[in-house]
């Protein structure tokens, strides 16, 4: 492996002996790091401009030309000041090394900058340490390390900050963020919706999607020929005190779960309730004429005065009925 001695052009002091690896830009990058400048070119002792790495011989003395770094960056990579400049996704942050190291000693940032040479040559042309993360989400993390408070600007997604905190393993901040996210979630809305809104929602739901409407108040609802296959309607109220009867005539209710629902006088004529769960429902006076009740669980139901004429009750369960079931009608 070749090695050379580098000097900043015009200064015969503070030379650096460095290995020659890779390409000429790699050597210029190393020179930038060593001297705290933006190295742009190399010259030999005779003033010849070097444009190819192969022209460099072992133990050559070379001179570096370049631009001075801005005052806010470390002036010399070898002068180990406590101030660091980070290039996070193209955005520059200047902070004290102790900020990154002391607050969360087990974090990735602490391990990255505890050893002054650990980050090596991962710097940009200004000498700032390169970190390939989102600056928008990094800023709240840096401020937290500075003063211990979680402060996030409006419009910044807390989930993004949480992911960055997990990436850098900042345990105490993760706990703050999870609590903040939990508190920011909207409370459950238990306000009632109108029948029209419910029907619109029902009609817009794909037939293969799961629909849950447990405990809904569906007094006097009209759902003629609607498709609610597989819906969960546990404990719903279909009975209107004004006497208006709910109408689900011809509805597709295959596999629906309506256990414990109040359905006095409901119209389910020619509806499809195959494999439905109707356990402990109040179906007193209900119209079930021509209804497909195959394999339905009707145990514990009140079917007094219900009309089952022409219904299909093959495989249906009628255990623990509250009232005797009169099958004088023609039942398939």
Protein backbone atom coordinates (compact mmCIF):
# COMPACT_ATOMS: atom_id res chain seq x y z
CA UNK A 1 0.00 0.00 0.00
CA UNK A 2 1.36 3.43 -0.94
CA UNK A 3 1.45 6.31 1.48
CA UNK A 4 2.08 10.00 0.93
CA UNK A 5 2.73 13.10 3.01
CA UNK A 6 0.21 15.88 2.48
CA UNK A 7 0.61 19.60 3.14
CA UNK A 8 -1.76 22.44 2.53
CA UNK A 9 -0.26 24.44 -0.33
CA UNK A 10 1.61 27.46 1.01
CA UNK A 11 2.18 25.93 4.46
CA UNK A 12 5.22 23.68 5.13
CA UNK A 13 3.91 22.71 8.58
CA UNK A 14 1.36 20.27 10.02
CA UNK A 15 1.79 17.66 7.31
CA UNK A 16 -0.34 14.49 7.31
CA UNK A 17 0.89 11.04 6.32
CA UNK A 18 -2.04 9.19 4.75
CA UNK A 19 -2.58 5.92 2.83
CA UNK A 20 -3.45 6.05 -0.87
CA UNK A 21 -6.56 3.97 -1.51
CA UNK A 22 -9.16 4.05 -4.23
CA UNK A 23 -9.42 6.96 -6.63
CA UNK A 24 -8.13 10.53 -6.72
CA UNK A 25 -11.48 11.89 -5.42
CA UNK A 26 -11.12 9.51 -2.46
CA UNK A 27 -7.71 10.98 -1.66
CA UNK A 28 -9.10 14.52 -1.97
CA UNK A 29 -11.95 13.60 0.38
CA UNK A 30 -9.45 12.25 2.91
CA UNK A 31 -7.41 15.46 2.58
CA UNK A 32 -10.57 17.51 3.20
CA UNK A 33 -11.18 15.59 6.41
CA UNK A 34 -7.60 15.88 7.63
CA UNK A 35 -7.21 19.62 6.99
CA UNK A 36 -10.79 20.82 7.45
CA UNK A 37 -10.99 22.31 3.97
CA UNK A 38 -12.76 21.50 0.72
CA UNK A 39 -9.78 19.96 -1.10
CA UNK A 40 -10.07 20.45 -4.87
CA UNK A 41 -6.66 19.56 -6.33
CA UNK A 42 -3.24 17.99 -5.64
CA UNK A 43 0.24 19.07 -6.76
CA UNK A 44 3.66 17.42 -6.50
CA UNK A 45 6.80 19.13 -5.15
CA UNK A 46 7.60 20.57 -8.59
CA UNK A 47 4.16 22.17 -8.89
CA UNK A 48 2.76 19.61 -11.29
CA UNK A 49 -1.00 19.14 -11.15
CA UNK A 50 -1.91 15.49 -10.47
CA UNK A 51 -4.93 14.27 -12.41
CA UNK A 52 -4.47 10.51 -12.01
CA UNK A 53 -3.96 8.42 -8.88
CA UNK A 54 -1.49 6.20 -10.78
CA UNK A 55 0.94 9.14 -11.05
CA UNK A 56 1.44 9.09 -7.29
CA UNK A 57 4.43 7.13 -5.95
CA UNK A 58 5.08 5.76 -2.48
CA UNK A 59 6.42 8.38 -0.04
CA UNK A 60 5.59 11.27 -2.37
CA UNK A 61 5.16 14.72 -0.82
CA UNK A 62 2.02 16.34 -2.16
CA UNK A 63 0.36 19.72 -1.72
CA UNK A 64 -3.37 20.24 -1.35
CA UNK A 65 -5.33 23.20 -2.65
CA UNK A 66 -8.86 23.94 -1.56
CA UNK A 67 -11.42 26.26 -0.02
CA UNK A 68 -11.78 27.14 3.64
CA UNK A 69 -14.84 25.69 5.40
CA UNK A 70 -17.55 28.03 6.75
CA UNK A 71 -17.01 29.17 10.32
CA UNK A 72 -19.92 27.08 11.69
CA UNK A 73 -18.21 23.78 10.83
CA UNK A 74 -15.23 22.27 12.59
CA UNK A 75 -12.22 24.24 11.39
CA UNK A 76 -9.90 21.26 11.59
CA UNK A 77 -10.90 17.61 11.67
CA UNK A 78 -7.88 16.96 13.84
CA UNK A 79 -8.79 19.63 16.39
CA UNK A 80 -11.29 17.75 18.51
CA UNK A 81 -13.65 20.55 19.57
CA UNK A 82 -16.93 19.76 21.28
CA UNK A 83 -18.93 21.19 18.38
CA UNK A 84 -20.21 19.07 15.50
CA UNK A 85 -22.05 19.83 12.28
CA UNK A 86 -24.41 17.15 10.99
CA UNK A 87 -25.72 16.90 7.45
CA UNK A 88 -29.04 15.11 7.94
CA UNK A 89 -30.72 14.52 4.59
CA UNK A 90 -29.23 17.74 3.19
CA UNK A 91 -30.13 19.91 6.21
CA UNK A 92 -27.34 21.15 8.51
CA UNK A 93 -27.53 20.96 12.31
CA UNK A 94 -24.79 22.24 14.62
CA UNK A 95 -24.69 20.88 18.15
CA UNK A 96 -22.36 20.01 20.99
CA UNK A 97 -20.91 16.51 21.04
CA UNK A 98 -22.02 16.22 24.68
CA UNK A 99 -25.65 16.73 23.58
CA UNK A 100 -25.49 13.61 21.42
CA UNK A 101 -23.47 11.55 23.88
CA UNK A 102 -24.66 12.38 27.42
CA UNK A 103 -28.47 12.51 27.35
CA UNK A 104 -29.03 8.97 26.02
CA UNK A 105 -25.75 7.06 26.51
CA UNK A 106 -27.17 3.87 24.97
CA UNK A 107 -28.48 5.53 21.83
CA UNK A 108 -27.02 5.08 18.35
CA UNK A 109 -26.05 8.78 18.25
CA UNK A 110 -24.10 8.39 21.47
CA UNK A 111 -22.19 5.41 20.09
CA UNK A 112 -21.60 7.21 16.79
CA UNK A 113 -19.96 10.28 18.36
CA UNK A 114 -18.57 9.06 21.68
CA UNK A 115 -15.37 8.03 19.90
CA UNK A 116 -14.14 11.06 17.99
CA UNK A 117 -12.85 8.99 15.08
CA UNK A 118 -15.69 6.45 14.96
CA UNK A 119 -17.53 8.19 12.14
CA UNK A 120 -14.41 8.11 9.96
CA UNK A 121 -14.63 9.76 6.57
CA UNK A 122 -18.43 9.82 6.32
CA UNK A 123 -18.49 13.57 5.72
CA UNK A 124 -19.64 15.86 2.97
CA UNK A 125 -17.51 18.42 1.12
CA UNK A 126 -17.98 20.90 4.01
CA UNK A 127 -16.77 18.43 6.60
CA UNK A 128 -20.22 17.86 8.12
CA UNK A 129 -21.07 14.35 9.29
CA UNK A 130 -23.45 12.64 6.89
CA UNK A 131 -26.59 11.01 8.29
CA UNK A 132 -29.09 9.65 5.78
CA UNK A 133 -32.32 10.34 7.68
CA UNK A 134 -35.23 12.79 7.47
CA UNK A 135 -34.30 16.27 8.80
CA UNK A 136 -37.98 17.00 9.53
CA UNK A 137 -38.17 14.12 12.00
CA UNK A 138 -34.59 14.51 13.27
CA UNK A 139 -35.07 18.10 14.52
CA UNK A 140 -37.49 17.19 17.37
CA UNK A 141 -35.09 14.42 18.41
CA UNK A 142 -32.12 16.79 18.58
CA UNK A 143 -34.13 19.34 20.56
CA UNK A 144 -35.21 16.60 22.97
CA UNK A 145 -31.56 15.69 23.55
CA UNK A 146 -30.81 19.36 24.19
CA UNK A 147 -33.47 20.14 26.80
CA UNK A 148 -35.44 16.97 27.53
CA UNK A 149 -38.77 18.27 26.22
CA UNK A 150 -40.76 16.82 23.31
CA UNK A 151 -41.61 19.76 21.05
CA UNK A 152 -42.95 19.04 17.58
CA UNK A 153 -43.92 21.73 15.07
CA UNK A 154 -47.40 21.77 13.56
CA UNK A 155 -47.68 19.53 10.52
CA UNK A 156 -44.93 17.13 11.59
CA UNK A 157 -46.22 13.57 11.82
CA UNK A 158 -45.56 12.11 15.27
CA UNK A 159 -45.39 8.62 13.76
CA UNK A 160 -42.41 9.74 11.67
CA UNK A 161 -40.64 11.13 14.74
CA UNK A 162 -41.41 7.88 16.58
CA UNK A 163 -39.78 5.82 13.82
CA UNK A 164 -36.66 8.01 13.98
CA UNK A 165 -36.55 7.68 17.79
CA UNK A 166 -36.72 3.90 17.40
CA UNK A 167 -33.99 3.99 14.72
CA UNK A 168 -31.66 5.95 17.00
CA UNK A 169 -32.74 3.88 20.06
CA UNK A 170 -33.73 6.86 22.21
CA UNK A 171 -35.77 4.91 24.75
CA UNK A 172 -37.14 7.73 26.91
CA UNK A 173 -38.29 9.69 23.83
CA UNK A 174 -40.05 6.61 22.45
CA UNK A 175 -42.18 6.48 25.61
CA UNK A 176 -43.04 10.21 25.31
CA UNK A 177 -44.01 9.84 21.65
CA UNK A 178 -46.17 6.76 22.17
CA UNK A 179 -48.11 8.59 24.89
CA UNK A 180 -48.44 11.72 22.72
CA UNK A 181 -49.73 9.67 19.78
CA UNK A 182 -52.23 7.88 22.01
CA UNK A 183 -53.53 11.18 23.39
CA UNK A 184 -53.82 12.68 19.90
CA UNK A 185 -56.18 9.98 18.62
CA UNK A 186 -59.83 11.13 18.34
CA UNK A 187 -62.21 9.79 20.95
CA UNK A 188 -64.71 7.16 19.88
CA UNK A 189 -67.76 8.82 18.36
CA UNK A 190 -70.91 7.30 19.83
CA UNK A 191 -73.28 9.89 18.40
CA UNK A 192 -76.23 8.41 16.49
CA UNK A 193 -76.40 8.32 12.71
CA UNK A 194 -79.56 8.75 10.72
CA UNK A 195 -81.28 5.86 8.94
CA UNK A 196 -80.44 7.47 5.61
CA UNK A 197 -76.74 7.63 6.57
CA UNK A 198 -76.79 4.01 7.63
CA UNK A 199 -78.38 2.84 4.38
CA UNK A 200 -75.89 4.89 2.36
CA UNK A 201 -73.05 3.33 4.34
CA UNK A 202 -74.53 -0.14 3.89
CA UNK A 203 -74.95 0.23 0.14
CA UNK A 204 -71.38 1.53 -0.22
CA UNK A 205 -69.88 -1.45 1.60
CA UNK A 206 -68.47 -4.17 -0.71
CA UNK A 207 -70.25 -7.50 -0.38
CA UNK A 208 -67.04 -9.23 0.72
CA UNK A 209 -66.24 -6.69 3.43
CA UNK A 210 -67.03 -7.33 7.08
CA UNK A 211 -69.76 -5.05 8.42
CA UNK A 212 -70.22 -4.48 12.17
CA UNK A 213 -73.25 -2.60 13.54
CA UNK A 214 -73.50 -4.04 17.05
CA UNK A 215 -76.02 -2.32 19.28
CA UNK A 216 -77.31 -0.04 16.53
CA UNK A 217 -80.73 1.56 16.83
CA UNK A 218 -82.51 0.60 13.59
CA UNK A 219 -86.04 1.50 14.61
CA UNK A 220 -88.36 1.21 11.63
CA UNK A 221 -85.47 0.95 9.18
CA UNK A 222 -86.25 0.10 5.54
CA UNK A 223 -83.70 -2.24 3.96
CA UNK A 224 -85.69 -3.85 1.16
CA UNK A 225 -83.54 -6.19 -0.98
CA UNK A 226 -80.39 -4.87 0.71
CA UNK A 227 -77.21 -6.95 0.92
CA UNK A 228 -75.89 -7.30 4.47
CA UNK A 229 -74.32 -10.75 4.09
CA UNK A 230 -72.06 -11.61 7.02
CA UNK A 231 -72.86 -8.40 8.90
CA UNK A 232 -72.66 -8.20 12.70
CA UNK A 233 -75.92 -6.74 14.06
CA UNK A 234 -75.73 -8.10 17.60
CA UNK A 235 -78.21 -6.53 20.03
CA UNK A 236 -79.75 -4.14 17.50
CA UNK A 237 -83.14 -2.54 17.99
CA UNK A 238 -85.48 -2.75 14.99
CA UNK A 239 -88.66 -1.93 16.94
CA UNK A 240 -90.12 1.54 16.54
CA UNK A 241 -92.28 2.66 19.51
CA UNK A 242 -94.47 4.61 17.10
CA UNK A 243 -95.60 1.34 15.54
CA UNK A 244 -93.56 1.64 12.31
CA UNK A 245 -92.23 -1.82 11.50
CA UNK A 246 -88.74 -2.43 10.16
CA UNK A 247 -88.83 -3.73 6.59
CA UNK A 248 -86.02 -6.06 5.42
CA UNK A 249 -88.11 -7.84 2.80
CA UNK A 250 -85.98 -9.75 0.31
CA UNK A 251 -82.74 -8.77 2.06
CA UNK A 252 -79.62 -10.93 1.78
CA UNK A 253 -78.69 -11.67 5.40
CA UNK A 254 -76.68 -14.85 4.90
CA UNK A 255 -74.52 -15.57 7.91
CA UNK A 256 -75.60 -12.38 9.67
CA UNK A 257 -75.19 -12.27 13.46
CA UNK A 258 -78.30 -10.66 14.99
CA UNK A 259 -78.15 -12.39 18.36
CA UNK A 260 -80.25 -10.72 21.06
CA UNK A 261 -81.81 -8.19 18.67
CA UNK A 262 -85.25 -6.64 19.19
CA UNK A 263 -87.26 -7.37 16.02
CA UNK A 264 -90.92 -7.35 17.02
CA UNK A 265 -93.12 -7.21 13.91
CA UNK A 266 -90.14 -7.04 11.55
CA UNK A 267 -90.80 -7.89 7.89
CA UNK A 268 -88.31 -10.52 6.70
CA UNK A 269 -90.52 -11.97 3.99
CA UNK A 270 -88.55 -13.94 1.36
CA UNK A 271 -85.32 -12.75 2.95
CA UNK A 272 -82.27 -15.03 2.94
CA UNK A 273 -81.05 -15.82 6.47
CA UNK A 274 -79.17 -19.03 5.74
CA UNK A 275 -76.65 -19.82 8.53
CA UNK A 276 -77.69 -16.66 10.39
CA UNK A 277 -77.40 -16.38 14.17
CA UNK A 278 -80.74 -15.27 15.63
CA UNK A 279 -80.31 -16.66 19.12
CA UNK A 280 -82.46 -14.98 21.82
CA UNK A 281 -84.05 -12.59 19.33
CA UNK A 282 -87.52 -11.13 19.86
CA UNK A 283 -89.35 -12.07 16.65
CA UNK A 284 -92.84 -11.78 18.07
CA UNK A 285 -95.29 -11.07 15.26
CA UNK A 286 -92.48 -11.10 12.68
CA UNK A 287 -93.21 -11.87 9.03
CA UNK A 288 -90.97 -14.75 7.97
CA UNK A 289 -93.13 -16.05 5.14
CA UNK A 290 -90.99 -17.60 2.41
CA UNK A 291 -87.85 -16.80 4.34
CA UNK A 292 -84.80 -19.04 3.96
CA UNK A 293 -83.92 -20.00 7.57
CA UNK A 294 -81.79 -23.01 6.66
CA UNK A 295 -79.29 -23.84 9.45
CA UNK A 296 -80.32 -20.73 11.40
CA UNK A 297 -79.84 -20.71 15.15
CA UNK A 298 -83.23 -19.63 16.53
CA UNK A 299 -82.74 -21.03 20.01
CA UNK A 300 -84.24 -18.93 22.78
CA UNK A 301 -86.25 -16.82 20.32
CA UNK A 302 -89.75 -15.47 20.92
CA UNK A 303 -91.69 -16.41 17.77
CA UNK A 304 -95.19 -15.92 19.16
CA UNK A 305 -97.61 -14.99 16.35
CA UNK A 306 -94.73 -15.01 13.84
CA UNK A 307 -95.67 -15.92 10.25
CA UNK A 308 -93.46 -18.78 9.04
CA UNK A 309 -95.66 -19.78 6.10
CA UNK A 310 -93.56 -21.27 3.30
CA UNK A 311 -90.26 -20.68 5.08
CA UNK A 312 -87.31 -23.06 4.79
CA UNK A 313 -86.30 -24.23 8.28
CA UNK A 314 -84.12 -27.15 7.20
CA UNK A 315 -81.43 -27.69 9.85
CA UNK A 316 -82.67 -24.74 11.91
CA UNK A 317 -82.23 -24.84 15.71
CA UNK A 318 -85.35 -24.15 17.78
CA UNK A 319 -84.07 -25.07 21.26
CA UNK A 320 -85.29 -23.31 24.43
CA UNK A 321 -88.04 -21.43 22.61
CA UNK A 322 -89.79 -18.86 24.81
CA UNK A 323 -93.21 -19.67 23.31
CA UNK A 324 -94.55 -22.78 21.54
CA UNK A 325 -93.95 -22.75 17.82
CA UNK A 326 -97.12 -23.49 15.84
CA UNK A 327 -96.21 -25.05 12.51
CA UNK A 328 -99.74 -25.17 11.10
CA UNK A 329 -98.54 -23.13 8.16
CA UNK A 330 -96.89 -24.77 5.18
CA UNK A 331 -93.23 -24.88 6.08
CA UNK A 332 -90.57 -26.25 3.73
